[in-house]
C-alpha atoms as a PDB file:
ATOM      1  CA  MET A   1       0.000   0.000   0.000  1.00  0.00           C
ATOM      2  CA  ALA A   2       2.940   2.351   0.666  1.00  0.00           C
ATOM      3  CA  ASN A   3       4.021   2.178  -2.968  1.00  0.00           C
ATOM      4  CA  LEU A   4       0.470   2.990  -4.073  1.00  0.00           C
ATOM      5  CA  ASP A   5       0.617   6.106  -1.887  1.00  0.00           C
ATOM      6  CA  ARG A   6       3.943   7.070  -3.494  1.00  0.00           C
ATOM      7  CA  VAL A   7       2.505   6.568  -6.984  1.00  0.00           C
ATOM      8  CA  PHE A   8      -0.494   8.794  -6.253  1.00  0.00           C
ATOM      9  CA  HIS A   9       1.781  11.368  -4.603  1.00  0.00           C
ATOM     10  CA  SER A  10       3.870  11.360  -7.792  1.00  0.00           C
ATOM     11  CA  LEU A  11       0.801  11.828  -9.970  1.00  0.00           C
ATOM     12  CA  ALA A  12      -0.580  14.618  -7.769  1.00  0.00           C
ATOM     13  CA  ASP A  13       1.762  17.256  -9.191  1.00  0.00           C
ATOM     14  CA  GLY A  14       1.487  18.785 -12.662  1.00  0.00           C
ATOM     15  CA  THR A  15       5.255  19.002 -13.161  1.00  0.00           C
ATOM     16  CA  ARG A  16       5.678  15.312 -12.420  1.00  0.00           C
ATOM     17  CA  ARG A  17       2.773  14.383 -14.712  1.00  0.00           C
ATOM     18  CA  ALA A  18       4.419  16.476 -17.458  1.00  0.00           C
ATOM     19  CA  VAL A  19       7.699  14.591 -16.939  1.00  0.00           C
ATOM     20  CA  ILE A  20       5.834  11.276 -17.217  1.00  0.00           C
ATOM     21  CA  THR A  21       4.228  12.502 -20.445  1.00  0.00           C
ATOM     22  CA  GLN A  22       7.634  13.562 -21.793  1.00  0.00           C
ATOM     23  CA  LEU A  23       9.184  10.216 -20.947  1.00  0.00           C
ATOM     24  CA  ALA A  24       6.326   8.340 -22.613  1.00  0.00           C
ATOM     25  CA  SER A  25       8.035   9.311 -25.874  1.00  0.00           C
ATOM     26  CA  GLY A  26      11.282   7.704 -24.773  1.00  0.00           C
ATOM     27  CA  PRO A  27      14.265   8.222 -22.484  1.00  0.00           C
ATOM     28  CA  ALA A  28      15.554  11.753 -21.927  1.00  0.00           C
ATOM     29  CA  SER A  29      18.365  13.407 -20.041  1.00  0.00           C
ATOM     30  CA  VAL A  30      17.704  15.348 -16.856  1.00  0.00           C
ATOM     31  CA  GLY A  31      18.719  18.489 -18.731  1.00  0.00           C
ATOM     32  CA  GLU A  32      16.201  17.837 -21.512  1.00  0.00           C
ATOM     33  CA  LEU A  33      13.448  17.192 -18.981  1.00  0.00           C
ATOM     34  CA  ALA A  34      14.279  20.213 -16.831  1.00  0.00           C
ATOM     35  CA  GLN A  35      14.482  22.515 -19.859  1.00  0.00           C
ATOM     36  CA  ARG A  36      10.700  22.492 -20.307  1.00  0.00           C
ATOM     37  CA  HIS A  37       9.965  23.626 -16.764  1.00  0.00           C
ATOM     38  CA  ARG A  38      10.402  27.093 -15.331  1.00  0.00           C
ATOM     39  CA  MET A  39      12.264  26.244 -12.161  1.00  0.00           C
ATOM     40  CA  ALA A  40      15.778  25.956 -10.822  1.00  0.00           C
ATOM     41  CA  LEU A  41      17.480  22.607 -11.392  1.00  0.00           C
ATOM     42  CA  PRO A  42      17.535  21.727  -7.647  1.00  0.00           C
ATOM     43  CA  SER A  43      13.744  22.214  -7.504  1.00  0.00           C
ATOM     44  CA  PHE A  44      13.284  20.079 -10.603  1.00  0.00           C
ATOM     45  CA  MET A  45      15.520  17.380  -9.125  1.00  0.00           C
ATOM     46  CA  LYS A  46      13.156  17.128  -6.127  1.00  0.00           C
ATOM     47  CA  HIS A  47      10.355  16.222  -8.542  1.00  0.00           C
ATOM     48  CA  LEU A  48      12.575  13.671 -10.221  1.00  0.00           C
ATOM     49  CA  ARG A  49      13.452  12.097  -6.856  1.00  0.00           C
ATOM     50  CA  VAL A  50       9.739  11.732  -6.058  1.00  0.00           C
ATOM     51  CA  LEU A  51       9.204   9.954  -9.389  1.00  0.00           C
ATOM     52  CA  GLU A  52      12.178   7.687  -8.716  1.00  0.00           C
ATOM     53  CA  ALA A  53      10.978   6.886  -5.183  1.00  0.00           C
ATOM     54  CA  SER A  54       7.681   5.664  -6.624  1.00  0.00           C
ATOM     55  CA  LYS A  55       9.634   3.670  -9.235  1.00  0.00           C
ATOM     56  CA  ILE A  56       7.756   5.367 -12.079  1.00  0.00           C
ATOM     57  CA  VAL A  57      11.045   6.739 -13.387  1.00  0.00           C
ATOM     58  CA  VAL A  58      14.446   5.134 -13.304  1.00  0.00           C
ATOM     59  CA  SER A  59      17.647   7.021 -14.043  1.00  0.00           C
ATOM     60  CA  ARG A  60      21.158   5.938 -14.861  1.00  0.00           C
ATOM     61  CA  LYS A  61      24.365   7.758 -15.524  1.00  0.00           C
ATOM     62  CA  LYS A  62      25.606   7.555 -19.112  1.00  0.00           C
ATOM     63  CA  GLY A  63      28.980   9.251 -19.211  1.00  0.00           C
ATOM     64  CA  ARG A  64      28.439  12.716 -17.751  1.00  0.00           C
ATOM     65  CA  VAL A  65      24.721  12.696 -18.501  1.00  0.00           C
ATOM     66  CA  ARG A  66      21.960  11.260 -16.292  1.00  0.00           C
ATOM     67  CA  MET A  67      19.310   9.598 -18.459  1.00  0.00           C
ATOM     68  CA  CYS A  68      15.774   8.999 -17.253  1.00  0.00           C
ATOM     69  CA  GLU A  69      13.358   6.362 -18.429  1.00  0.00           C
ATOM     70  CA  LEU A  70       9.698   5.683 -17.713  1.00  0.00           C
ATOM     71  CA  ARG A  71       8.662   2.430 -16.059  1.00  0.00           C
ATOM     72  CA  PRO A  72       4.948   2.254 -16.937  1.00  0.00           C
ATOM     73  CA  ASP A  73       4.567  -1.039 -15.043  1.00  0.00           C
ATOM     74  CA  ALA A  74       5.023   1.005 -11.845  1.00  0.00           C
ATOM     75  CA  LEU A  75       1.600   2.527 -12.516  1.00  0.00           C
ATOM     76  CA  ALA A  76      -0.019  -0.918 -12.409  1.00  0.00           C
ATOM     77  CA  SER A  77      -0.752  -0.681  -8.672  1.00  0.00           C
ATOM     78  CA  ALA A  78      -2.674   2.571  -9.228  1.00  0.00           C
ATOM     79  CA  GLN A  79      -4.494   1.118 -12.216  1.00  0.00           C
ATOM     80  CA  THR A  80      -5.501  -1.964 -10.215  1.00  0.00           C
ATOM     81  CA  TRP A  81      -6.754   0.168  -7.311  1.00  0.00           C
ATOM     82  CA  ILE A  82      -8.698   2.509  -9.611  1.00  0.00           C
ATOM     83  CA  GLU A  83     -10.309  -0.412 -11.440  1.00  0.00           C
ATOM     84  CA  LYS A  84     -11.330  -2.062  -8.152  1.00  0.00           C
ATOM     85  CA  GLU A  85     -12.876   1.205  -6.940  1.00  0.00           C
ATOM     86  CA  ARG A  86     -14.609   1.749 -10.291  1.00  0.00           C
ATOM     87  CA  ARG A  87     -16.217  -1.701 -10.126  1.00  0.00           C
ATOM     88  CA  MET A  88     -17.317  -1.145  -6.531  1.00  0.00           C
ATOM     89  CA  TRP A  89     -18.865   2.264  -7.294  1.00  0.00           C
ATOM     90  CA  SER A  90     -20.466   0.981 -10.473  1.00  0.00           C
ATOM     91  CA  THR A  91     -22.139  -1.790  -8.464  1.00  0.00           C
ATOM     92  CA  ARG A  92     -23.302   0.672  -5.810  1.00  0.00           C
ATOM     93  CA  LEU A  93     -24.680   3.086  -8.392  1.00  0.00           C
ATOM     94  CA  ASN A  94     -26.509   0.255 -10.158  1.00  0.00           C
ATOM     95  CA  GLN A  95     -28.031  -0.759  -6.811  1.00  0.00           C
ATOM     96  CA  LEU A  96     -29.056   2.836  -6.145  1.00  0.00           C
ATOM     97  CA  ASP A  97     -30.593   3.077  -9.608  1.00  0.00           C
ATOM     98  CA  ALA A  98     -32.597  -0.117  -8.998  1.00  0.00           C
ATOM     99  CA  PHE A  99     -33.732   1.211  -5.617  1.00  0.00           C
ATOM    100  CA  VAL A 100     -34.873   4.526  -7.126  1.00  0.00           C
ATOM    101  CA  GLU A 101     -36.742   2.667  -9.872  1.00  0.00           C
ATOM    102  CA  THR A 102     -38.463   0.521  -7.227  1.00  0.00           C
ATOM    103  CA  LEU A 103     -39.498   3.641  -5.317  1.00  0.00           C
ATOM    104  CA  ALA A 104     -40.786   5.242  -8.513  1.00  0.00           C
ATOM    105  CA  GLU A 105     -42.836   2.130  -9.309  1.00  0.00           C
ATOM    106  CA  ARG A 106     -44.284   2.087  -5.797  1.00  0.00           C
ATOM    107  CA  GLU A 107     -45.123   5.779  -6.065  1.00  0.00           C
ATOM    108  CA  LYS A 108     -46.857   5.142  -9.385  1.00  0.00           C
ATOM    109  CA  THR A 109     -48.912   2.204  -8.087  1.00  0.00           C
ATOM    110  CA  ASP A 110     -49.717   3.884  -4.742  1.00  0.00           C
ATOM    111  CA  GLY A 111     -50.765   7.077  -6.552  1.00  0.00           C
ATOM    112  CA  THR A 112     -53.274   5.310  -8.825  1.00  0.00           C
ATOM    113  CA  ARG A 113     -55.348   3.699  -6.020  1.00  0.00           C
END
């Protein structure tokens, strides 16, 4: 559950979501990623560390350049949780709909007596 919390924490920030979107196109250097964001490099690196802590992004040093890569499988825990919640709420809403229909039918039959 702790990793799920880290994944959602990572996704909660627009800068980090933008980095994920950038990396969906393929690996990129820290410099390339940071270039698109209006912030100092140390501030950007904090975002990158959050993404690495949740294992959504992995980085490795290639010569003097740090390359980052997306690990989409790290989002699987969030996807599983969201799907479970969606099924549960869909069931509850279907039950509510059936209940409201039952009440409406009762109202209709009680009103015609």
